[in-house]
Amino acid sequence: MKPRRPLLPKDSLTQSLALVVLLVLAAVGVAGPSGLLAWGENARVLEQRQQEIAMLTAERDRMKNRVDLLDPRHADPDLVGELLHSNLNVTHPDDVVMQLKN
């Protein structure tokens, strides 16, 4: 068995510095912005964003349908009548207005 040579202060400092760098890299890998702890938060945010996208897509489709129904070349008569009644207080002579008490 060979006798172990004593560590020089330079070797000890180099090993200590390497250990500190390794520990810092491990800490960043676990708790950093893209580390293991951030994965759960990122998954939660991703799910929220997907729900928001689904809601906005449904709203966009609803609005697109309404715009298509109001196209001047072939407007939907029911929707036009509804808008005239609600926005301009215009009624047809045959309409009957019923007032409801709250």
N, C-alpha and C. Protein backbone atom coordinates (compact mmCIF):
# COMPACT_ATOMS: atom_id res chain seq x y z
N MET A 1 0.84 -1.16 0.00
CA MET A 1 0.00 0.00 0.00
C MET A 1 0.89 1.24 0.00
N LYS A 2 0.54 2.16 -0.89
CA LYS A 2 1.34 3.38 -0.99
C LYS A 2 0.95 4.35 0.12
N PRO A 3 1.87 4.98 0.64
CA PRO A 3 1.51 6.02 1.61
C PRO A 3 0.84 7.19 0.87
N ARG A 4 -0.17 7.71 1.48
CA ARG A 4 -0.90 8.82 0.88
C ARG A 4 -0.11 10.10 1.04
N ARG A 5 -0.03 10.82 -0.08
CA ARG A 5 0.72 12.06 0.00
C ARG A 5 -0.18 13.14 0.59
N PRO A 6 0.34 14.04 1.36
CA PRO A 6 -0.47 15.09 1.98
C PRO A 6 -0.99 16.06 0.91
N LEU A 7 -2.22 16.55 1.13
CA LEU A 7 -2.80 17.52 0.20
C LEU A 7 -2.12 18.86 0.39
N LEU A 8 -1.80 19.44 -0.71
CA LEU A 8 -1.24 20.78 -0.66
C LEU A 8 -2.39 21.78 -0.54
N PRO A 9 -2.15 22.94 -0.01
CA PRO A 9 -3.22 23.93 0.12
C PRO A 9 -3.87 24.25 -1.24
N LYS A 10 -3.11 24.22 -2.32
CA LYS A 10 -3.64 24.51 -3.65
C LYS A 10 -4.63 23.42 -4.07
N ASP A 11 -4.29 22.15 -3.81
CA ASP A 11 -5.18 21.04 -4.15
C ASP A 11 -6.47 21.10 -3.32
N SER A 12 -6.35 21.41 -2.06
CA SER A 12 -7.51 21.49 -1.18
C SER A 12 -8.43 22.62 -1.63
N LEU A 13 -7.88 23.75 -2.00
CA LEU A 13 -8.66 24.89 -2.47
C LEU A 13 -9.36 24.55 -3.78
N THR A 14 -8.69 23.87 -4.67
CA THR A 14 -9.27 23.48 -5.96
C THR A 14 -10.43 22.52 -5.75
N GLN A 15 -10.25 21.54 -4.88
CA GLN A 15 -11.33 20.58 -4.60
C GLN A 15 -12.51 21.26 -3.92
N SER A 16 -12.24 22.17 -3.01
CA SER A 16 -13.33 22.88 -2.33
C SER A 16 -14.09 23.75 -3.32
N LEU A 17 -13.39 24.42 -4.19
CA LEU A 17 -14.03 25.26 -5.20
C LEU A 17 -14.87 24.41 -6.15
N ALA A 18 -14.36 23.26 -6.56
CA ALA A 18 -15.10 22.36 -7.45
C ALA A 18 -16.37 21.86 -6.75
N LEU A 19 -16.27 21.54 -5.46
CA LEU A 19 -17.43 21.09 -4.71
C LEU A 19 -18.48 22.19 -4.60
N VAL A 20 -18.07 23.42 -4.35
CA VAL A 20 -19.00 24.55 -4.26
C VAL A 20 -19.70 24.77 -5.59
N VAL A 21 -18.95 24.72 -6.69
CA VAL A 21 -19.54 24.89 -8.02
C VAL A 21 -20.54 23.77 -8.29
N LEU A 22 -20.19 22.56 -7.94
CA LEU A 22 -21.08 21.43 -8.14
C LEU A 22 -22.37 21.58 -7.32
N LEU A 23 -22.25 22.03 -6.08
CA LEU A 23 -23.43 22.24 -5.24
C LEU A 23 -24.32 23.36 -5.78
N VAL A 24 -23.69 24.42 -6.28
CA VAL A 24 -24.47 25.52 -6.87
C VAL A 24 -25.22 25.03 -8.11
N LEU A 25 -24.56 24.26 -8.95
CA LEU A 25 -25.23 23.72 -10.14
C LEU A 25 -26.37 22.79 -9.76
N ALA A 26 -26.18 21.99 -8.74
CA ALA A 26 -27.25 21.10 -8.28
C ALA A 26 -28.42 21.91 -7.73
N ALA A 27 -28.14 22.98 -6.98
CA ALA A 27 -29.21 23.81 -6.43
C ALA A 27 -29.98 24.50 -7.55
N VAL A 28 -29.29 24.98 -8.57
CA VAL A 28 -29.97 25.61 -9.71
C VAL A 28 -30.79 24.58 -10.46
N GLY A 29 -30.28 23.36 -10.57
CA GLY A 29 -31.02 22.30 -11.25
C GLY A 29 -32.30 21.91 -10.53
N VAL A 30 -32.32 22.06 -9.22
CA VAL A 30 -33.50 21.70 -8.45
C VAL A 30 -34.43 22.90 -8.28
N ALA A 31 -33.89 24.05 -7.90
CA ALA A 31 -34.74 25.20 -7.54
C ALA A 31 -34.66 26.34 -8.54
N GLY A 32 -33.98 26.19 -9.63
CA GLY A 32 -33.84 27.26 -10.60
C GLY A 32 -35.10 27.49 -11.41
N PRO A 33 -35.06 28.47 -12.33
CA PRO A 33 -36.25 28.81 -13.11
C PRO A 33 -36.74 27.68 -14.02
N SER A 34 -35.88 26.78 -14.39
CA SER A 34 -36.31 25.63 -15.20
C SER A 34 -35.94 24.32 -14.50
N GLY A 35 -35.86 24.38 -13.19
CA GLY A 35 -35.49 23.21 -12.40
C GLY A 35 -36.67 22.32 -12.08
N LEU A 36 -36.41 21.34 -11.24
CA LEU A 36 -37.43 20.35 -10.89
C LEU A 36 -38.63 20.97 -10.18
N LEU A 37 -38.39 21.93 -9.28
CA LEU A 37 -39.49 22.54 -8.55
C LEU A 37 -40.36 23.41 -9.46
N ALA A 38 -39.79 23.97 -10.50
CA ALA A 38 -40.54 24.83 -11.42
C ALA A 38 -41.42 24.02 -12.36
N TRP A 39 -41.17 22.76 -12.53
CA TRP A 39 -41.98 21.94 -13.46
C TRP A 39 -43.44 21.91 -13.04
N GLY A 40 -43.70 21.72 -11.75
CA GLY A 40 -45.08 21.68 -11.27
C GLY A 40 -45.79 23.00 -11.51
N GLU A 41 -45.11 24.09 -11.22
CA GLU A 41 -45.69 25.42 -11.45
C GLU A 41 -45.92 25.65 -12.94
N ASN A 42 -44.96 25.25 -13.76
CA ASN A 42 -45.12 25.42 -15.21
C ASN A 42 -46.27 24.59 -15.75
N ALA A 43 -46.46 23.39 -15.22
CA ALA A 43 -47.58 22.54 -15.65
C ALA A 43 -48.91 23.17 -15.26
N ARG A 44 -48.98 23.75 -14.07
CA ARG A 44 -50.21 24.41 -13.62
C ARG A 44 -50.53 25.63 -14.48
N VAL A 45 -49.52 26.43 -14.77
CA VAL A 45 -49.71 27.62 -15.62
C VAL A 45 -50.11 27.20 -17.03
N LEU A 46 -49.50 26.13 -17.54
CA LEU A 46 -49.84 25.64 -18.87
C LEU A 46 -51.31 25.22 -18.93
N GLU A 47 -51.78 24.54 -17.91
CA GLU A 47 -53.18 24.10 -17.88
C GLU A 47 -54.12 25.31 -17.84
N GLN A 48 -53.76 26.33 -17.04
CA GLN A 48 -54.57 27.55 -16.98
C GLN A 48 -54.62 28.22 -18.35
N ARG A 49 -53.47 28.30 -19.01
CA ARG A 49 -53.42 28.95 -20.32
C ARG A 49 -54.23 28.18 -21.36
N GLN A 50 -54.20 26.86 -21.29
CA GLN A 50 -54.97 26.05 -22.23
C GLN A 50 -56.47 26.26 -22.01
N GLN A 51 -56.90 26.37 -20.75
CA GLN A 51 -58.30 26.65 -20.46
C GLN A 51 -58.69 28.03 -20.98
N GLU A 52 -57.80 28.99 -20.79
CA GLU A 52 -58.06 30.34 -21.27
C GLU A 52 -58.14 30.37 -22.80
N ILE A 53 -57.26 29.64 -23.45
CA ILE A 53 -57.29 29.56 -24.93
C ILE A 53 -58.58 28.93 -25.40
N ALA A 54 -59.04 27.87 -24.73
CA ALA A 54 -60.29 27.23 -25.11
C ALA A 54 -61.47 28.19 -24.95
N MET A 55 -61.48 28.95 -23.86
CA MET A 55 -62.55 29.90 -23.62
C MET A 55 -62.53 31.01 -24.68
N LEU A 56 -61.34 31.53 -24.98
CA LEU A 56 -61.23 32.60 -25.98
C LEU A 56 -61.55 32.09 -27.38
N THR A 57 -61.22 30.85 -27.67
CA THR A 57 -61.55 30.27 -28.98
C THR A 57 -63.06 30.15 -29.13
N ALA A 58 -63.74 29.73 -28.08
CA ALA A 58 -65.20 29.63 -28.12
C ALA A 58 -65.82 31.02 -28.30
N GLU A 59 -65.29 32.00 -27.60
CA GLU A 59 -65.79 33.38 -27.73
C GLU A 59 -65.56 33.90 -29.15
N ARG A 60 -64.37 33.63 -29.70
CA ARG A 60 -64.07 34.06 -31.06
C ARG A 60 -65.01 33.40 -32.07
N ASP A 61 -65.29 32.12 -31.89
CA ASP A 61 -66.20 31.41 -32.80
C ASP A 61 -67.61 31.98 -32.71
N ARG A 62 -68.04 32.31 -31.48
CA ARG A 62 -69.36 32.90 -31.29
C ARG A 62 -69.45 34.25 -32.00
N MET A 63 -68.41 35.06 -31.84
CA MET A 63 -68.40 36.38 -32.49
C MET A 63 -68.33 36.26 -34.01
N LYS A 64 -67.56 35.31 -34.50
CA LYS A 64 -67.46 35.10 -35.95
C LYS A 64 -68.81 34.69 -36.52
N ASN A 65 -69.54 33.84 -35.81
CA ASN A 65 -70.86 33.42 -36.25
C ASN A 65 -71.81 34.62 -36.30
N ARG A 66 -71.73 35.47 -35.28
CA ARG A 66 -72.60 36.65 -35.24
C ARG A 66 -72.27 37.60 -36.40
N VAL A 67 -70.99 37.78 -36.68
CA VAL A 67 -70.58 38.63 -37.81
C VAL A 67 -71.08 38.04 -39.12
N ASP A 68 -70.97 36.73 -39.26
CA ASP A 68 -71.46 36.09 -40.48
C ASP A 68 -72.97 36.28 -40.63
N LEU A 69 -73.70 36.24 -39.51
CA LEU A 69 -75.16 36.43 -39.56
C LEU A 69 -75.54 37.86 -39.91
N LEU A 70 -74.63 38.81 -39.65
CA LEU A 70 -74.92 40.22 -39.94
C LEU A 70 -74.31 40.69 -41.26
N ASP A 71 -73.82 39.79 -42.07
CA ASP A 71 -73.23 40.16 -43.35
C ASP A 71 -74.30 40.87 -44.20
N PRO A 72 -74.01 42.08 -44.69
CA PRO A 72 -75.02 42.85 -45.42
C PRO A 72 -75.57 42.15 -46.66
N ARG A 73 -74.83 41.25 -47.26
CA ARG A 73 -75.29 40.56 -48.47
C ARG A 73 -76.39 39.55 -48.17
N HIS A 74 -76.37 38.97 -46.99
CA HIS A 74 -77.41 37.99 -46.63
C HIS A 74 -77.56 37.94 -45.11
N ALA A 75 -78.06 39.04 -44.55
CA ALA A 75 -78.22 39.15 -43.10
C ALA A 75 -79.37 38.26 -42.62
N ASP A 76 -79.20 37.74 -41.44
CA ASP A 76 -80.23 36.90 -40.82
C ASP A 76 -81.37 37.81 -40.33
N PRO A 77 -82.57 37.64 -40.86
CA PRO A 77 -83.67 38.55 -40.49
C PRO A 77 -84.01 38.52 -39.00
N ASP A 78 -83.91 37.38 -38.37
CA ASP A 78 -84.23 37.30 -36.94
C ASP A 78 -83.24 38.12 -36.11
N LEU A 79 -81.96 38.01 -36.42
CA LEU A 79 -80.95 38.76 -35.68
C LEU A 79 -81.08 40.25 -35.95
N VAL A 80 -81.35 40.63 -37.18
CA VAL A 80 -81.53 42.04 -37.51
C VAL A 80 -82.72 42.60 -36.74
N GLY A 81 -83.82 41.85 -36.71
CA GLY A 81 -84.99 42.29 -35.96
C GLY A 81 -84.70 42.42 -34.47
N GLU A 82 -83.97 41.46 -33.93
CA GLU A 82 -83.61 41.52 -32.51
C GLU A 82 -82.78 42.75 -32.20
N LEU A 83 -81.81 43.05 -33.06
CA LEU A 83 -80.96 44.22 -32.85
C LEU A 83 -81.75 45.52 -33.00
N LEU A 84 -82.65 45.57 -33.96
CA LEU A 84 -83.49 46.76 -34.12
C LEU A 84 -84.35 46.98 -32.88
N HIS A 85 -84.94 45.92 -32.35
CA HIS A 85 -85.77 46.04 -31.16
C HIS A 85 -84.96 46.50 -29.96
N SER A 86 -83.79 45.90 -29.76
CA SER A 86 -83.03 46.19 -28.54
C SER A 86 -82.25 47.50 -28.61
N ASN A 87 -81.69 47.85 -29.76
CA ASN A 87 -80.83 49.03 -29.84
C ASN A 87 -81.56 50.30 -30.23
N LEU A 88 -82.54 50.20 -31.12
CA LEU A 88 -83.20 51.40 -31.64
C LEU A 88 -84.63 51.55 -31.16
N ASN A 89 -85.10 50.61 -30.37
CA ASN A 89 -86.48 50.62 -29.89
C ASN A 89 -87.48 50.72 -31.05
N VAL A 90 -87.17 50.03 -32.14
CA VAL A 90 -88.03 50.00 -33.31
C VAL A 90 -88.89 48.75 -33.22
N THR A 91 -90.18 48.91 -33.46
CA THR A 91 -91.07 47.76 -33.44
C THR A 91 -91.87 47.70 -34.73
N HIS A 92 -92.32 46.55 -35.03
CA HIS A 92 -93.20 46.33 -36.18
C HIS A 92 -94.62 46.69 -35.75
N PRO A 93 -95.46 47.21 -36.67
CA PRO A 93 -96.82 47.59 -36.28
C PRO A 93 -97.62 46.42 -35.69
N ASP A 94 -97.30 45.20 -36.01
CA ASP A 94 -98.04 44.05 -35.49
C ASP A 94 -97.50 43.53 -34.16
N ASP A 95 -96.38 44.10 -33.68
CA ASP A 95 -95.78 43.63 -32.43
C ASP A 95 -96.63 44.03 -31.24
N VAL A 96 -96.69 43.17 -30.27
CA VAL A 96 -97.39 43.45 -29.02
C VAL A 96 -96.33 43.55 -27.93
N VAL A 97 -96.37 44.66 -27.19
CA VAL A 97 -95.39 44.88 -26.14
C VAL A 97 -96.06 44.56 -24.80
N MET A 98 -95.40 43.72 -24.05
CA MET A 98 -95.90 43.35 -22.72
C MET A 98 -94.89 43.82 -21.68
N GLN A 99 -95.36 44.59 -20.72
CA GLN A 99 -94.48 45.06 -19.67
C GLN A 99 -94.61 44.12 -18.47
N LEU A 100 -93.47 43.75 -17.94
CA LEU A 100 -93.44 42.86 -16.78
C LEU A 100 -93.04 43.65 -15.56
N LYS A 101 -93.72 43.44 -14.47
CA LYS A 101 -93.34 44.11 -13.22
C LYS A 101 -92.27 43.27 -12.54
N ASN A 102 -91.29 43.95 -12.01
CA ASN A 102 -90.18 43.26 -11.33
C ASN A 102 -90.55 42.92 -9.92
